[in-house]
Amino acid sequence: MSGITTSRPEVVNGHTDVICSTSIGHILAVRKTTLMQIDTLIRQLTEISAMTESIGGKTAPDWAMKQNFRCGCWLMEKPETAMKAITRNLDREIWRDLMQRSGMLSLMDAQARDTWYRSLEYDNFPEISEANILSTFEQLHQNKDEVFERGVINVFRGLMRIFMKGDHSITSIEIGLNRPGNPGD
């Protein structure tokens, strides 16, 4: 990782790439602390439920939920079951945020974005760890030319369809390419 330290790490990344920097160490530390606190909370809630049940007040799922509104809450499950689901949900949201903040989603074509969203939806994503974050972004970096090329091809396919349909509402389409030797350089 870069030795750059700022109060807003997303602003400075020390590279000329489009992708913004973020502190993986910070993400991992906050994730670890959060999961430990959630585990403690679940265990405390279990103890409280046992106490209230011992005096006839039933358990947390009975007194902590709104009347006639039981959708479920992982905090009321056994710690082993709950922590697995909560960790998975937290990791899914962290991956979603990393991809959004990094700008990678905006660089992906529709096919790559669809694949990414499906992997999040169907729990087909790695646990949040430094190695997994770095390898995911390294792989995305290695595939960026392929993704860009697919995007350009899709744009031209769309333009070709418009041209072939003879859509007369579009009078002209102008595409500018910035290449050395172009007039105006």
C-alpha atoms as a PDB file:
ATOM      1  CA  MET A   1       0.000   0.000   0.000  1.00  0.00           C
ATOM      2  CA  SER A   2       1.007   3.587  -0.520  1.00  0.00           C
ATOM      3  CA  GLY A   3       2.611   5.546   2.289  1.00  0.00           C
ATOM      4  CA  ILE A   4       0.310   8.524   1.617  1.00  0.00           C
ATOM      5  CA  THR A   5      -1.670   9.594   4.665  1.00  0.00           C
ATOM      6  CA  THR A   6      -4.380  12.213   4.380  1.00  0.00           C
ATOM      7  CA  SER A   7      -7.554  13.089   6.179  1.00  0.00           C
ATOM      8  CA  ARG A   8      -9.458  12.339   2.961  1.00  0.00           C
ATOM      9  CA  PRO A   9      -7.677   9.354   1.382  1.00  0.00           C
ATOM     10  CA  GLU A  10     -10.208   9.204  -1.451  1.00  0.00           C
ATOM     11  CA  VAL A  11      -8.851  12.500  -2.810  1.00  0.00           C
ATOM     12  CA  VAL A  12      -5.165  11.622  -3.167  1.00  0.00           C
ATOM     13  CA  ASN A  13      -3.941   8.331  -4.533  1.00  0.00           C
ATOM     14  CA  GLY A  14      -0.483   9.049  -5.874  1.00  0.00           C
ATOM     15  CA  HIS A  15      -1.366   7.603  -9.278  1.00  0.00           C
ATOM     16  CA  THR A  16      -2.721   8.930 -12.546  1.00  0.00           C
ATOM     17  CA  ASP A  17      -5.443   6.266 -12.684  1.00  0.00           C
ATOM     18  CA  VAL A  18      -9.096   7.218 -12.361  1.00  0.00           C
ATOM     19  CA  ILE A  19      -9.650   4.980  -9.339  1.00  0.00           C
ATOM     20  CA  CYS A  20      -9.676   6.800  -5.989  1.00  0.00           C
ATOM     21  CA  SER A  21      -7.644   5.577  -3.044  1.00  0.00           C
ATOM     22  CA  THR A  22      -9.121   4.281   0.168  1.00  0.00           C
ATOM     23  CA  SER A  23      -7.559   2.870   3.313  1.00  0.00           C
ATOM     24  CA  ILE A  24      -7.922  -0.904   3.324  1.00  0.00           C
ATOM     25  CA  GLY A  25      -6.443  -0.991   6.824  1.00  0.00           C
ATOM     26  CA  HIS A  26      -9.174   1.343   8.085  1.00  0.00           C
ATOM     27  CA  ILE A  27     -11.909  -0.752   6.468  1.00  0.00           C
ATOM     28  CA  LEU A  28     -10.530  -3.960   8.005  1.00  0.00           C
ATOM     29  CA  ALA A  29     -10.085  -2.415  11.470  1.00  0.00           C
ATOM     30  CA  VAL A  30     -13.590  -0.944  11.584  1.00  0.00           C
ATOM     31  CA  ARG A  31     -15.090  -4.184  10.220  1.00  0.00           C
ATOM     32  CA  LYS A  32     -13.323  -6.249  12.902  1.00  0.00           C
ATOM     33  CA  THR A  33     -14.365  -3.906  15.728  1.00  0.00           C
ATOM     34  CA  THR A  34     -17.936  -3.752  14.453  1.00  0.00           C
ATOM     35  CA  LEU A  35     -18.294  -7.526  14.202  1.00  0.00           C
ATOM     36  CA  MET A  36     -16.871  -7.973  17.718  1.00  0.00           C
ATOM     37  CA  GLN A  37     -19.361  -5.442  19.102  1.00  0.00           C
ATOM     38  CA  ILE A  38     -22.260  -7.093  17.254  1.00  0.00           C
ATOM     39  CA  ASP A  39     -21.232 -10.493  18.649  1.00  0.00           C
ATOM     40  CA  THR A  40     -21.148  -9.020  22.158  1.00  0.00           C
ATOM     41  CA  LEU A  41     -24.555  -7.418  21.607  1.00  0.00           C
ATOM     42  CA  ILE A  42     -26.086 -10.725  20.470  1.00  0.00           C
ATOM     43  CA  ARG A  43     -24.682 -12.531  23.503  1.00  0.00           C
ATOM     44  CA  GLN A  44     -25.957  -9.782  25.833  1.00  0.00           C
ATOM     45  CA  LEU A  45     -29.388  -9.931  24.212  1.00  0.00           C
ATOM     46  CA  THR A  46     -29.419 -13.715  24.745  1.00  0.00           C
ATOM     47  CA  GLU A  47     -28.600 -13.209  28.441  1.00  0.00           C
ATOM     48  CA  ILE A  48     -31.279 -10.521  28.771  1.00  0.00           C
ATOM     49  CA  SER A  49     -33.808 -12.832  27.082  1.00  0.00           C
ATOM     50  CA  ALA A  50     -32.998 -15.587  29.580  1.00  0.00           C
ATOM     51  CA  MET A  51     -33.518 -13.132  32.451  1.00  0.00           C
ATOM     52  CA  THR A  52     -36.847 -11.827  31.136  1.00  0.00           C
ATOM     53  CA  GLU A  53     -38.033 -15.369  30.376  1.00  0.00           C
ATOM     54  CA  SER A  54     -37.211 -16.424  33.945  1.00  0.00           C
ATOM     55  CA  ILE A  55     -39.698 -13.856  35.271  1.00  0.00           C
ATOM     56  CA  GLY A  56     -42.419 -14.690  32.733  1.00  0.00           C
ATOM     57  CA  GLY A  57     -41.639 -11.883  30.304  1.00  0.00           C
ATOM     58  CA  LYS A  58     -40.784 -14.224  27.420  1.00  0.00           C
ATOM     59  CA  THR A  59     -37.718 -13.691  25.188  1.00  0.00           C
ATOM     60  CA  ALA A  60     -36.441 -10.876  22.964  1.00  0.00           C
ATOM     61  CA  PRO A  61     -38.304 -12.027  19.830  1.00  0.00           C
ATOM     62  CA  ASP A  62     -41.518 -11.645  21.858  1.00  0.00           C
ATOM     63  CA  TRP A  63     -40.950  -8.299  23.571  1.00  0.00           C
ATOM     64  CA  ALA A  64     -38.490  -6.565  21.205  1.00  0.00           C
ATOM     65  CA  MET A  65     -40.585  -6.804  18.041  1.00  0.00           C
ATOM     66  CA  LYS A  66     -43.533  -4.639  17.072  1.00  0.00           C
ATOM     67  CA  GLN A  67     -46.937  -6.273  17.491  1.00  0.00           C
ATOM     68  CA  ASN A  68     -48.006  -8.256  14.395  1.00  0.00           C
ATOM     69  CA  PHE A  69     -44.772  -7.273  12.663  1.00  0.00           C
ATOM     70  CA  ARG A  70     -42.262 -10.120  12.782  1.00  0.00           C
ATOM     71  CA  CYS A  71     -39.874  -9.951   9.868  1.00  0.00           C
ATOM     72  CA  GLY A  72     -36.967 -11.378  11.769  1.00  0.00           C
ATOM     73  CA  CYS A  73     -33.731  -9.950  13.016  1.00  0.00           C
ATOM     74  CA  TRP A  74     -30.334 -11.633  12.999  1.00  0.00           C
ATOM     75  CA  LEU A  75     -29.596 -10.125  16.426  1.00  0.00           C
ATOM     76  CA  MET A  76     -32.206 -12.451  17.914  1.00  0.00           C
ATOM     77  CA  GLU A  77     -30.689 -15.659  16.508  1.00  0.00           C
ATOM     78  CA  LYS A  78     -28.002 -17.934  17.932  1.00  0.00           C
ATOM     79  CA  PRO A  79     -24.635 -16.116  17.805  1.00  0.00           C
ATOM     80  CA  GLU A  80     -23.024 -18.672  15.448  1.00  0.00           C
ATOM     81  CA  THR A  81     -25.862 -18.432  12.914  1.00  0.00           C
ATOM     82  CA  ALA A  82     -26.317 -14.694  13.298  1.00  0.00           C
ATOM     83  CA  MET A  83     -22.655 -13.760  13.001  1.00  0.00           C
ATOM     84  CA  LYS A  84     -22.248 -15.766   9.808  1.00  0.00           C
ATOM     85  CA  ALA A  85     -25.217 -13.992   8.174  1.00  0.00           C
ATOM     86  CA  ILE A  86     -24.343 -10.546   9.541  1.00  0.00           C
ATOM     87  CA  THR A  87     -20.713 -10.880   8.412  1.00  0.00           C
ATOM     88  CA  ARG A  88     -21.863 -11.918   4.934  1.00  0.00           C
ATOM     89  CA  ASN A  89     -24.306  -8.979   4.717  1.00  0.00           C
ATOM     90  CA  LEU A  90     -21.677  -6.539   5.981  1.00  0.00           C
ATOM     91  CA  ASP A  91     -19.080  -7.826   3.510  1.00  0.00           C
ATOM     92  CA  ARG A  92     -21.596  -7.515   0.650  1.00  0.00           C
ATOM     93  CA  GLU A  93     -22.209  -3.849   1.498  1.00  0.00           C
ATOM     94  CA  ILE A  94     -18.488  -3.133   1.893  1.00  0.00           C
ATOM     95  CA  TRP A  95     -17.806  -4.640  -1.567  1.00  0.00           C
ATOM     96  CA  ARG A  96     -20.660  -2.582  -3.024  1.00  0.00           C
ATOM     97  CA  ASP A  97     -19.288   0.595  -1.445  1.00  0.00           C
ATOM     98  CA  LEU A  98     -15.693  -0.137  -2.513  1.00  0.00           C
ATOM     99  CA  MET A  99     -16.754  -0.620  -6.132  1.00  0.00           C
ATOM    100  CA  GLN A 100     -18.907   2.520  -6.075  1.00  0.00           C
ATOM    101  CA  ARG A 101     -16.333   4.783  -4.385  1.00  0.00           C
ATOM    102  CA  SER A 102     -13.457   3.466  -6.465  1.00  0.00           C
ATOM    103  CA  GLY A 103     -15.246   4.380  -9.684  1.00  0.00           C
ATOM    104  CA  MET A 104     -14.849   0.845 -11.035  1.00  0.00           C
ATOM    105  CA  LEU A 105     -18.584   0.453 -11.654  1.00  0.00           C
ATOM    106  CA  SER A 106     -18.613   3.481 -13.932  1.00  0.00           C
ATOM    107  CA  LEU A 107     -15.755   1.999 -15.956  1.00  0.00           C
ATOM    108  CA  MET A 108     -17.469  -1.367 -16.401  1.00  0.00           C
ATOM    109  CA  ASP A 109     -19.669  -2.193 -19.340  1.00  0.00           C
ATOM    110  CA  ALA A 110     -23.200  -3.495 -18.741  1.00  0.00           C
ATOM    111  CA  GLN A 111     -22.086  -7.142 -18.881  1.00  0.00           C
ATOM    112  CA  ALA A 112     -19.362  -6.681 -16.256  1.00  0.00           C
ATOM    113  CA  ARG A 113     -21.676  -4.653 -13.971  1.00  0.00           C
ATOM    114  CA  ASP A 114     -24.396  -7.296 -14.295  1.00  0.00           C
ATOM    115  CA  THR A 115     -21.920 -10.049 -13.413  1.00  0.00           C
ATOM    116  CA  TRP A 116     -20.717  -8.034 -10.401  1.00  0.00           C
ATOM    117  CA  TYR A 117     -24.237  -7.325  -9.108  1.00  0.00           C
ATOM    118  CA  ARG A 118     -25.233 -10.987  -9.555  1.00  0.00           C
ATOM    119  CA  SER A 119     -22.185 -12.121  -7.590  1.00  0.00           C
ATOM    120  CA  LEU A 120     -23.250  -9.849  -4.720  1.00  0.00           C
ATOM    121  CA  GLU A 121     -26.872 -10.944  -4.911  1.00  0.00           C
ATOM    122  CA  TYR A 122     -26.083 -14.670  -4.878  1.00  0.00           C
ATOM    123  CA  ASP A 123     -23.341 -14.570  -2.207  1.00  0.00           C
ATOM    124  CA  ASN A 124     -20.649 -15.317  -4.759  1.00  0.00           C
ATOM    125  CA  PHE A 125     -18.060 -12.906  -3.389  1.00  0.00           C
ATOM    126  CA  PRO A 126     -14.997 -13.304  -1.161  1.00  0.00           C
ATOM    127  CA  GLU A 127     -14.816 -12.338   2.487  1.00  0.00           C
ATOM    128  CA  ILE A 128     -13.449  -8.849   3.077  1.00  0.00           C
ATOM    129  CA  SER A 129      -9.718  -9.158   3.706  1.00  0.00           C
ATOM    130  CA  GLU A 130      -6.672  -7.249   2.541  1.00  0.00           C
ATOM    131  CA  ALA A 131      -5.626 -10.080   0.221  1.00  0.00           C
ATOM    132  CA  ASN A 132      -9.110 -10.400  -1.299  1.00  0.00           C
ATOM    133  CA  ILE A 133      -9.515  -6.654  -1.827  1.00  0.00           C
ATOM    134  CA  LEU A 134      -6.084  -6.309  -3.420  1.00  0.00           C
ATOM    135  CA  SER A 135      -6.508  -9.362  -5.660  1.00  0.00           C
ATOM    136  CA  THR A 136     -10.003  -8.282  -6.763  1.00  0.00           C
ATOM    137  CA  PHE A 137      -8.840  -4.817  -7.764  1.00  0.00           C
ATOM    138  CA  GLU A 138      -5.687  -6.228  -9.361  1.00  0.00           C
ATOM    139  CA  GLN A 139      -7.828  -8.555 -11.469  1.00  0.00           C
ATOM    140  CA  LEU A 140     -10.148  -5.687 -12.401  1.00  0.00           C
ATOM    141  CA  HIS A 141      -7.093  -3.617 -13.321  1.00  0.00           C
ATOM    142  CA  GLN A 142      -5.753  -6.431 -15.513  1.00  0.00           C
ATOM    143  CA  ASN A 143      -9.133  -6.764 -17.259  1.00  0.00           C
ATOM    144  CA  LYS A 144      -9.711  -3.024 -17.745  1.00  0.00           C
ATOM    145  CA  ASP A 145      -8.654  -3.028 -21.412  1.00  0.00           C
ATOM    146  CA  GLU A 146     -10.993  -5.926 -22.204  1.00  0.00           C
ATOM    147  CA  VAL A 147     -13.887  -4.239 -20.374  1.00  0.00           C
ATOM    148  CA  PHE A 148     -13.196  -0.914 -22.114  1.00  0.00           C
ATOM    149  CA  GLU A 149     -12.997  -2.633 -25.507  1.00  0.00           C
ATOM    150  CA  ARG A 150     -16.325  -4.389 -24.886  1.00  0.00           C
ATOM    151  CA  GLY A 151     -17.838  -1.028 -23.945  1.00  0.00           C
ATOM    152  CA  VAL A 152     -16.609   0.626 -27.148  1.00  0.00           C
ATOM    153  CA  ILE A 153     -17.883  -2.297 -29.237  1.00  0.00           C
ATOM    154  CA  ASN A 154     -21.291  -2.043 -27.538  1.00  0.00           C
ATOM    155  CA  VAL A 155     -21.462   1.702 -28.256  1.00  0.00           C
ATOM    156  CA  PHE A 156     -20.737   1.120 -31.926  1.00  0.00           C
ATOM    157  CA  ARG A 157     -23.245  -1.747 -32.073  1.00  0.00           C
ATOM    158  CA  GLY A 158     -25.854   0.645 -30.707  1.00  0.00           C
ATOM    159  CA  LEU A 159     -24.905   3.293 -33.264  1.00  0.00           C
ATOM    160  CA  MET A 160     -25.045   0.681 -36.030  1.00  0.00           C
ATOM    161  CA  ARG A 161     -28.571  -0.341 -34.985  1.00  0.00           C
ATOM    162  CA  ILE A 162     -29.667   3.291 -35.065  1.00  0.00           C
ATOM    163  CA  PHE A 163     -28.100   3.708 -38.496  1.00  0.00           C
ATOM    164  CA  MET A 164     -29.611   0.461 -39.842  1.00  0.00           C
ATOM    165  CA  LYS A 165     -33.083   1.387 -38.545  1.00  0.00           C
ATOM    166  CA  GLY A 166     -32.840   4.642 -40.453  1.00  0.00           C
ATOM    167  CA  ASP A 167     -33.997   6.638 -37.439  1.00  0.00           C
ATOM    168  CA  HIS A 168     -34.578  10.052 -39.005  1.00  0.00           C
ATOM    169  CA  SER A 169     -35.008  11.811 -35.671  1.00  0.00           C
ATOM    170  CA  ILE A 170     -31.237  11.639 -35.285  1.00  0.00           C
ATOM    171  CA  THR A 171     -29.756  14.019 -37.819  1.00  0.00           C
ATOM    172  CA  SER A 172     -26.095  13.543 -36.988  1.00  0.00           C
ATOM    173  CA  ILE A 173     -23.834  11.761 -34.582  1.00  0.00           C
ATOM    174  CA  GLU A 174     -20.408  13.186 -33.918  1.00  0.00           C
ATOM    175  CA  ILE A 175     -17.645  11.115 -32.404  1.00  0.00           C
ATOM    176  CA  GLY A 176     -14.378  12.792 -31.483  1.00  0.00           C
ATOM    177  CA  LEU A 177     -11.187  10.913 -30.893  1.00  0.00           C
ATOM    178  CA  ASN A 178      -8.217  12.595 -29.300  1.00  0.00           C
ATOM    179  CA  ARG A 179      -5.220  11.228 -31.216  1.00  0.00           C
ATOM    180  CA  PRO A 180      -1.842  12.825 -31.828  1.00  0.00           C
ATOM    181  CA  GLY A 181      -1.882  14.531 -35.191  1.00  0.00           C
ATOM    182  CA  ASN A 182      -5.581  15.412 -35.115  1.00  0.00           C
ATOM    183  CA  PRO A 183      -6.361  18.965 -36.209  1.00  0.00           C
ATOM    184  CA  GLY A 184      -6.753  21.150 -33.160  1.00  0.00           C
ATOM    185  CA  ASP A 185      -4.086  19.358 -31.092  1.00  0.00           C
END
